[in-house]
Amino acid sequence: MEIGALIKDARSSKGMTQEKAAEALGVSRQTVSNWETGKSYPDIVSVIRMSDLYDVSLDHLLKEETSVKQSYTSYLEESTNTIKSRRTHSITILVSLTLGVWALSVLATWLVASGADSTGYSTAVMWTMLPVTFFAVSFLTGRNRYFGRAMYAVPFVCSLLYSLCGYATSIAAENQLIRTVRWPDFAKLPIGLLISALGLALGILARSRQKKPKE
């Protein structure tokens, strides 16, 4: 028996229509229909939800026949590899954009602005561009759980970048003028940490408040 037929039998045995099953699983009725007719496979999360919803074991849905297990395992492997590739691509873009904005903020101060403009531009960078960037990056990290448990280190990284950018744009300029060495303004660390931590927390909250299937 194919996996689609197994899913259909489990639903019918539970006395549920496709509409009710779709509502409980958080998908469309057409999606349920496609699963049952073999036009597409459900992802592993949906299979687990169906196991609970229909009161049947995963063994019944996936392992009743060797051919079913093999075909579904191949599908899951292919889907997982695709998801991992997309996730890695998204993380690479996110990191590149963050470092790019940071580097451009510093370079623009040195190459574009000068004199009084430099002070104004530095202020705009430190209180608008970078806070918005770090907040957005942290929010997306929490929302998509990028980096796994390491995502909780993102606020510390952002706060360090925030502090170093202030040093590179304004304090470093003073160093050149007064011919002395000053350390980065680490007083900005808590500000960067707070902005990024808030973004991360809201991202995690947004993820947890996703529409959950009704039991």
C-alpha atoms as a PDB file:
ATOM      1  CA  MET A   1       0.000   0.000   0.000  1.00  0.00           C
ATOM      2  CA  GLU A   2       1.350   3.452  -0.921  1.00  0.00           C
ATOM      3  CA  ILE A   3       1.808   6.142   1.699  1.00  0.00           C
ATOM      4  CA  GLY A   4      -1.064   8.191   0.218  1.00  0.00           C
ATOM      5  CA  ALA A   5      -3.458   5.303   0.694  1.00  0.00           C
ATOM      6  CA  LEU A   6      -2.202   4.751   4.237  1.00  0.00           C
ATOM      7  CA  ILE A   7      -2.846   8.408   5.082  1.00  0.00           C
ATOM      8  CA  LYS A   8      -6.310   8.288   3.537  1.00  0.00           C
ATOM      9  CA  ASP A   9      -7.232   5.103   5.415  1.00  0.00           C
ATOM     10  CA  ALA A  10      -6.013   6.595   8.695  1.00  0.00           C
ATOM     11  CA  ARG A  11      -8.118   9.721   8.143  1.00  0.00           C
ATOM     12  CA  SER A  12     -11.193   7.743   7.153  1.00  0.00           C
ATOM     13  CA  SER A  13     -10.829   5.472  10.177  1.00  0.00           C
ATOM     14  CA  LYS A  14     -10.799   8.562  12.365  1.00  0.00           C
ATOM     15  CA  GLY A  15     -14.016   9.749  10.669  1.00  0.00           C
ATOM     16  CA  MET A  16     -12.556  13.045   9.501  1.00  0.00           C
ATOM     17  CA  THR A  17     -13.153  14.845   6.232  1.00  0.00           C
ATOM     18  CA  GLN A  18     -10.280  16.297   4.246  1.00  0.00           C
ATOM     19  CA  GLU A  19     -11.432  19.782   5.233  1.00  0.00           C
ATOM     20  CA  LYS A  20     -11.336  18.991   8.954  1.00  0.00           C
ATOM     21  CA  ALA A  21      -7.987  17.248   8.650  1.00  0.00           C
ATOM     22  CA  ALA A  22      -6.523  20.159   6.686  1.00  0.00           C
ATOM     23  CA  GLU A  23      -7.722  22.644   9.312  1.00  0.00           C
ATOM     24  CA  ALA A  24      -6.217  20.606  12.132  1.00  0.00           C
ATOM     25  CA  LEU A  25      -2.917  20.175  10.288  1.00  0.00           C
ATOM     26  CA  GLY A  26      -2.674  23.823   9.283  1.00  0.00           C
ATOM     27  CA  VAL A  27      -2.643  23.140   5.530  1.00  0.00           C
ATOM     28  CA  SER A  28      -5.103  23.464   2.651  1.00  0.00           C
ATOM     29  CA  ARG A  29      -7.612  20.785   1.708  1.00  0.00           C
ATOM     30  CA  GLN A  30      -5.917  20.493  -1.691  1.00  0.00           C
ATOM     31  CA  THR A  31      -2.642  19.685   0.052  1.00  0.00           C
ATOM     32  CA  VAL A  32      -4.276  16.841   1.964  1.00  0.00           C
ATOM     33  CA  SER A  33      -5.829  15.625  -1.268  1.00  0.00           C
ATOM     34  CA  ASN A  34      -2.444  15.679  -3.019  1.00  0.00           C
ATOM     35  CA  TRP A  35      -0.905  13.640  -0.216  1.00  0.00           C
ATOM     36  CA  GLU A  36      -3.649  11.032  -0.364  1.00  0.00           C
ATOM     37  CA  THR A  37      -3.546  10.706  -4.152  1.00  0.00           C
ATOM     38  CA  GLY A  38       0.242  10.473  -4.233  1.00  0.00           C
ATOM     39  CA  LYS A  39       0.734  13.735  -6.126  1.00  0.00           C
ATOM     40  CA  SER A  40       3.049  14.986  -3.365  1.00  0.00           C
ATOM     41  CA  TYR A  41       4.563  13.783  -0.107  1.00  0.00           C
ATOM     42  CA  PRO A  42       3.960  15.381   3.313  1.00  0.00           C
ATOM     43  CA  ASP A  43       6.988  16.687   5.171  1.00  0.00           C
ATOM     44  CA  ILE A  44       8.123  14.916   8.328  1.00  0.00           C
ATOM     45  CA  VAL A  45       6.467  17.484  10.617  1.00  0.00           C
ATOM     46  CA  SER A  46       3.113  16.905   8.913  1.00  0.00           C
ATOM     47  CA  VAL A  47       3.536  13.135   9.189  1.00  0.00           C
ATOM     48  CA  ILE A  48       4.130  13.439  12.930  1.00  0.00           C
ATOM     49  CA  ARG A  49       1.055  15.665  13.248  1.00  0.00           C
ATOM     50  CA  MET A  50      -1.051  13.168  11.300  1.00  0.00           C
ATOM     51  CA  SER A  51       0.197  10.378  13.537  1.00  0.00           C
ATOM     52  CA  ASP A  52      -1.131  12.274  16.565  1.00  0.00           C
ATOM     53  CA  LEU A  53      -4.288  13.478  14.838  1.00  0.00           C
ATOM     54  CA  TYR A  54      -5.323  10.091  13.456  1.00  0.00           C
ATOM     55  CA  ASP A  55      -4.119   8.139  16.512  1.00  0.00           C
ATOM     56  CA  VAL A  56      -1.871   5.879  14.449  1.00  0.00           C
ATOM     57  CA  SER A  57       1.806   5.110  14.842  1.00  0.00           C
ATOM     58  CA  LEU A  58       4.533   6.423  12.582  1.00  0.00           C
ATOM     59  CA  ASP A  59       5.360   2.805  11.838  1.00  0.00           C
ATOM     60  CA  HIS A  60       1.899   2.376  10.370  1.00  0.00           C
ATOM     61  CA  LEU A  61       2.227   5.467   8.169  1.00  0.00           C
ATOM     62  CA  LEU A  62       5.815   4.966   7.040  1.00  0.00           C
ATOM     63  CA  LYS A  63       6.999   1.427   7.603  1.00  0.00           C
ATOM     64  CA  GLU A  64       4.154  -0.890   6.759  1.00  0.00           C
ATOM     65  CA  GLU A  65       5.869  -1.710   3.488  1.00  0.00           C
ATOM     66  CA  THR A  66       9.573  -1.519   2.715  1.00  0.00           C
ATOM     67  CA  SER A  67       8.935   0.217  -0.607  1.00  0.00           C
ATOM     68  CA  VAL A  68       6.969   2.951   1.138  1.00  0.00           C
ATOM     69  CA  LYS A  69       9.721   3.504   3.652  1.00  0.00           C
ATOM     70  CA  GLN A  70      12.409   3.658   0.978  1.00  0.00           C
ATOM     71  CA  SER A  71      10.533   6.055  -1.295  1.00  0.00           C
ATOM     72  CA  TYR A  72       9.606   8.378   1.546  1.00  0.00           C
ATOM     73  CA  THR A  73      13.103   8.270   3.038  1.00  0.00           C
ATOM     74  CA  SER A  74      14.540   9.273  -0.342  1.00  0.00           C
ATOM     75  CA  TYR A  75      12.050  12.130  -0.559  1.00  0.00           C
ATOM     76  CA  LEU A  76      12.894  13.351   2.955  1.00  0.00           C
ATOM     77  CA  GLU A  77      16.615  13.204   2.254  1.00  0.00           C
ATOM     78  CA  GLU A  78      16.218  15.236  -0.919  1.00  0.00           C
ATOM     79  CA  SER A  79      13.923  17.766   0.786  1.00  0.00           C
ATOM     80  CA  THR A  80      16.240  18.088   3.787  1.00  0.00           C
ATOM     81  CA  ASN A  81      19.246  18.731   1.571  1.00  0.00           C
ATOM     82  CA  THR A  82      17.314  21.408  -0.322  1.00  0.00           C
ATOM     83  CA  ILE A  83      16.190  23.099   2.904  1.00  0.00           C
ATOM     84  CA  LYS A  84      19.728  23.003   4.332  1.00  0.00           C
ATOM     85  CA  SER A  85      21.109  24.521   1.139  1.00  0.00           C
ATOM     86  CA  ARG A  86      18.548  27.344   1.207  1.00  0.00           C
ATOM     87  CA  ARG A  87      19.162  27.938   4.902  1.00  0.00           C
ATOM     88  CA  THR A  88      22.932  28.127   4.407  1.00  0.00           C
ATOM     89  CA  HIS A  89      22.398  30.521   1.507  1.00  0.00           C
ATOM     90  CA  SER A  90      20.134  32.744   3.635  1.00  0.00           C
ATOM     91  CA  ILE A  91      22.622  32.805   6.513  1.00  0.00           C
ATOM     92  CA  THR A  92      25.468  33.689   4.147  1.00  0.00           C
ATOM     93  CA  ILE A  93      23.462  36.584   2.713  1.00  0.00           C
ATOM     94  CA  LEU A  94      22.490  37.789   6.200  1.00  0.00           C
ATOM     95  CA  VAL A  95      26.076  37.758   7.485  1.00  0.00           C
ATOM     96  CA  SER A  96      27.408  39.384   4.305  1.00  0.00           C
ATOM     97  CA  LEU A  97      24.820  42.173   4.438  1.00  0.00           C
ATOM     98  CA  THR A  98      25.537  42.841   8.107  1.00  0.00           C
ATOM     99  CA  LEU A  99      29.290  43.098   7.613  1.00  0.00           C
ATOM    100  CA  GLY A 100      28.748  45.023   4.379  1.00  0.00           C
ATOM    101  CA  VAL A 101      26.580  47.665   6.036  1.00  0.00           C
ATOM    102  CA  TRP A 102      29.089  47.954   8.879  1.00  0.00           C
ATOM    103  CA  ALA A 103      32.062  48.338   6.519  1.00  0.00           C
ATOM    104  CA  LEU A 104      30.252  50.833   4.276  1.00  0.00           C
ATOM    105  CA  SER A 105      29.255  52.881   7.310  1.00  0.00           C
ATOM    106  CA  VAL A 106      32.906  53.237   8.279  1.00  0.00           C
ATOM    107  CA  LEU A 107      34.194  53.824   4.758  1.00  0.00           C
ATOM    108  CA  ALA A 108      31.552  56.430   3.953  1.00  0.00           C
ATOM    109  CA  THR A 109      32.555  58.428   7.017  1.00  0.00           C
ATOM    110  CA  TRP A 110      36.180  58.500   5.929  1.00  0.00           C
ATOM    111  CA  LEU A 111      35.734  58.874   2.178  1.00  0.00           C
ATOM    112  CA  VAL A 112      32.538  60.890   1.774  1.00  0.00           C
ATOM    113  CA  ALA A 113      32.020  63.068   4.815  1.00  0.00           C
ATOM    114  CA  SER A 114      34.455  65.599   6.230  1.00  0.00           C
ATOM    115  CA  GLY A 115      34.556  68.290   8.923  1.00  0.00           C
ATOM    116  CA  ALA A 116      31.178  69.063  10.449  1.00  0.00           C
ATOM    117  CA  ASP A 117      29.527  66.675   7.983  1.00  0.00           C
ATOM    118  CA  SER A 118      31.597  63.861   9.417  1.00  0.00           C
ATOM    119  CA  THR A 119      30.147  64.389  12.883  1.00  0.00           C
ATOM    120  CA  GLY A 120      26.598  64.521  11.546  1.00  0.00           C
ATOM    121  CA  TYR A 121      27.067  61.455   9.411  1.00  0.00           C
ATOM    122  CA  SER A 122      28.633  59.509  12.277  1.00  0.00           C
ATOM    123  CA  THR A 123      25.642  60.376  14.442  1.00  0.00           C
ATOM    124  CA  ALA A 124      23.227  59.180  11.744  1.00  0.00           C
ATOM    125  CA  VAL A 125      25.171  55.936  11.378  1.00  0.00           C
ATOM    126  CA  MET A 126      25.395  55.238  15.103  1.00  0.00           C
ATOM    127  CA  TRP A 127      21.794  56.093  15.956  1.00  0.00           C
ATOM    128  CA  THR A 128      19.893  55.089  12.823  1.00  0.00           C
ATOM    129  CA  MET A 129      21.601  52.887  10.236  1.00  0.00           C
ATOM    130  CA  LEU A 130      23.413  50.440  12.503  1.00  0.00           C
ATOM    131  CA  PRO A 131      20.680  50.076  15.164  1.00  0.00           C
ATOM    132  CA  VAL A 132      18.097  49.315  12.467  1.00  0.00           C
ATOM    133  CA  THR A 133      20.463  46.854  10.772  1.00  0.00           C
ATOM    134  CA  PHE A 134      21.360  45.009  13.983  1.00  0.00           C
ATOM    135  CA  PHE A 135      17.736  44.899  15.110  1.00  0.00           C
ATOM    136  CA  ALA A 136      16.592  43.474  11.757  1.00  0.00           C
ATOM    137  CA  VAL A 137      19.413  40.923  11.614  1.00  0.00           C
ATOM    138  CA  SER A 138      18.713  39.773  15.174  1.00  0.00           C
ATOM    139  CA  PHE A 139      14.968  39.561  14.501  1.00  0.00           C
ATOM    140  CA  LEU A 140      15.505  37.386  11.408  1.00  0.00           C
ATOM    141  CA  THR A 141      17.962  35.230  13.327  1.00  0.00           C
ATOM    142  CA  GLY A 142      15.433  34.566  16.078  1.00  0.00           C
ATOM    143  CA  ARG A 143      12.517  34.215  13.665  1.00  0.00           C
ATOM    144  CA  ASN A 144      14.303  31.557  11.604  1.00  0.00           C
ATOM    145  CA  ARG A 145      16.503  30.088  14.351  1.00  0.00           C
ATOM    146  CA  TYR A 146      19.659  30.701  12.353  1.00  0.00           C
ATOM    147  CA  PHE A 147      22.885  29.329  13.900  1.00  0.00           C
ATOM    148  CA  GLY A 148      20.949  27.037  16.248  1.00  0.00           C
ATOM    149  CA  ARG A 149      21.767  27.671  19.911  1.00  0.00           C
ATOM    150  CA  ALA A 150      24.600  29.931  18.830  1.00  0.00           C
ATOM    151  CA  MET A 151      21.968  32.518  17.855  1.00  0.00           C
ATOM    152  CA  TYR A 152      22.077  33.751  21.468  1.00  0.00           C
ATOM    153  CA  ALA A 153      25.601  34.996  20.795  1.00  0.00           C
ATOM    154  CA  VAL A 154      24.378  37.295  18.003  1.00  0.00           C
ATOM    155  CA  PRO A 155      23.563  40.229  20.355  1.00  0.00           C
ATOM    156  CA  PHE A 156      27.121  40.133  21.720  1.00  0.00           C
ATOM    157  CA  VAL A 157      28.590  40.157  18.212  1.00  0.00           C
ATOM    158  CA  CYS A 158      26.336  43.034  17.172  1.00  0.00           C
ATOM    159  CA  SER A 159      27.183  45.028  20.299  1.00  0.00           C
ATOM    160  CA  LEU A 160      30.906  44.595  19.591  1.00  0.00           C
ATOM    161  CA  LEU A 161      30.472  45.732  15.998  1.00  0.00           C
ATOM    162  CA  TYR A 162      28.425  48.688  17.215  1.00  0.00           C
ATOM    163  CA  SER A 163      31.161  49.735  19.625  1.00  0.00           C
ATOM    164  CA  LEU A 164      33.944  49.292  17.069  1.00  0.00           C
ATOM    165  CA  CYS A 165      32.080  51.272  14.433  1.00  0.00           C
ATOM    166  CA  GLY A 166      31.885  54.250  16.773  1.00  0.00           C
ATOM    167  CA  TYR A 167      35.607  53.946  17.323  1.00  0.00           C
ATOM    168  CA  ALA A 168      36.377  53.691  13.612  1.00  0.00           C
ATOM    169  CA  THR A 169      34.212  56.637  12.575  1.00  0.00           C
ATOM    170  CA  SER A 170      34.733  59.235  15.278  1.00  0.00           C
ATOM    171  CA  ILE A 171      37.296  58.286  17.929  1.00  0.00           C
ATOM    172  CA  ALA A 172      39.813  57.127  15.325  1.00  0.00           C
ATOM    173  CA  ALA A 173      39.521  60.526  13.644  1.00  0.00           C
ATOM    174  CA  GLU A 174      40.356  62.213  16.948  1.00  0.00           C
ATOM    175  CA  ASN A 175      43.333  59.914  17.382  1.00  0.00           C
ATOM    176  CA  GLN A 176      44.742  61.154  14.099  1.00  0.00           C
ATOM    177  CA  LEU A 177      44.234  64.813  14.998  1.00  0.00           C
ATOM    178  CA  ILE A 178      45.586  64.810  18.537  1.00  0.00           C
ATOM    179  CA  ARG A 179      48.301  62.226  17.851  1.00  0.00           C
ATOM    180  CA  THR A 180      47.332  59.961  20.695  1.00  0.00           C
ATOM    181  CA  VAL A 181      45.772  56.544  21.109  1.00  0.00           C
ATOM    182  CA  ARG A 182      42.304  56.097  22.537  1.00  0.00           C
ATOM    183  CA  TRP A 183      40.480  52.867  23.120  1.00  0.00           C
ATOM    184  CA  PRO A 184      37.102  52.073  21.521  1.00  0.00           C
ATOM    185  CA  ASP A 185      34.060  53.423  23.307  1.00  0.00           C
ATOM    186  CA  PHE A 186      33.004  50.277  25.093  1.00  0.00           C
ATOM    187  CA  ALA A 187      30.267  52.265  26.806  1.00  0.00           C
ATOM    188  CA  LYS A 188      28.292  51.633  23.608  1.00  0.00           C
ATOM    189  CA  LEU A 189      28.379  47.874  24.182  1.00  0.00           C
ATOM    190  CA  PRO A 190      25.220  47.830  26.356  1.00  0.00           C
ATOM    191  CA  ILE A 191      23.342  49.905  23.766  1.00  0.00           C
ATOM    192  CA  GLY A 192      24.195  47.548  20.922  1.00  0.00           C
ATOM    193  CA  LEU A 193      23.483  44.556  23.141  1.00  0.00           C
ATOM    194  CA  LEU A 194      20.052  45.886  24.109  1.00  0.00           C
ATOM    195  CA  ILE A 195      19.036  46.682  20.522  1.00  0.00           C
ATOM    196  CA  SER A 196      20.121  43.292  19.211  1.00  0.00           C
ATOM    197  CA  ALA A 197      18.728  41.338  22.161  1.00  0.00           C
ATOM    198  CA  LEU A 198      15.352  43.022  21.684  1.00  0.00           C
ATOM    199  CA  GLY A 199      15.323  42.099  18.004  1.00  0.00           C
ATOM    200  CA  LEU A 200      16.280  38.495  18.795  1.00  0.00           C
ATOM    201  CA  ALA A 201      13.624  38.192  21.500  1.00  0.00           C
ATOM    202  CA  LEU A 202      10.898  39.547  19.212  1.00  0.00           C
ATOM    203  CA  GLY A 203      12.016  37.180  16.450  1.00  0.00           C
ATOM    204  CA  ILE A 204      11.794  34.195  18.786  1.00  0.00           C
ATOM    205  CA  LEU A 205       8.383  35.399  19.987  1.00  0.00           C
ATOM    206  CA  ALA A 206       7.148  35.770  16.409  1.00  0.00           C
ATOM    207  CA  ARG A 207       8.244  32.221  15.649  1.00  0.00           C
ATOM    208  CA  SER A 208       6.533  30.822  18.740  1.00  0.00           C
ATOM    209  CA  ARG A 209       3.306  32.612  17.833  1.00  0.00           C
ATOM    210  CA  GLN A 210       3.084  31.097  14.381  1.00  0.00           C
ATOM    211  CA  LYS A 211      -0.297  29.610  13.609  1.00  0.00           C
ATOM    212  CA  LYS A 212      -0.322  26.186  15.229  1.00  0.00           C
ATOM    213  CA  PRO A 213      -2.511  23.331  14.070  1.00  0.00           C
ATOM    214  CA  LYS A 214      -5.714  22.968  16.023  1.00  0.00           C
ATOM    215  CA  GLU A 215      -5.950  19.741  17.932  1.00  0.00           C
END
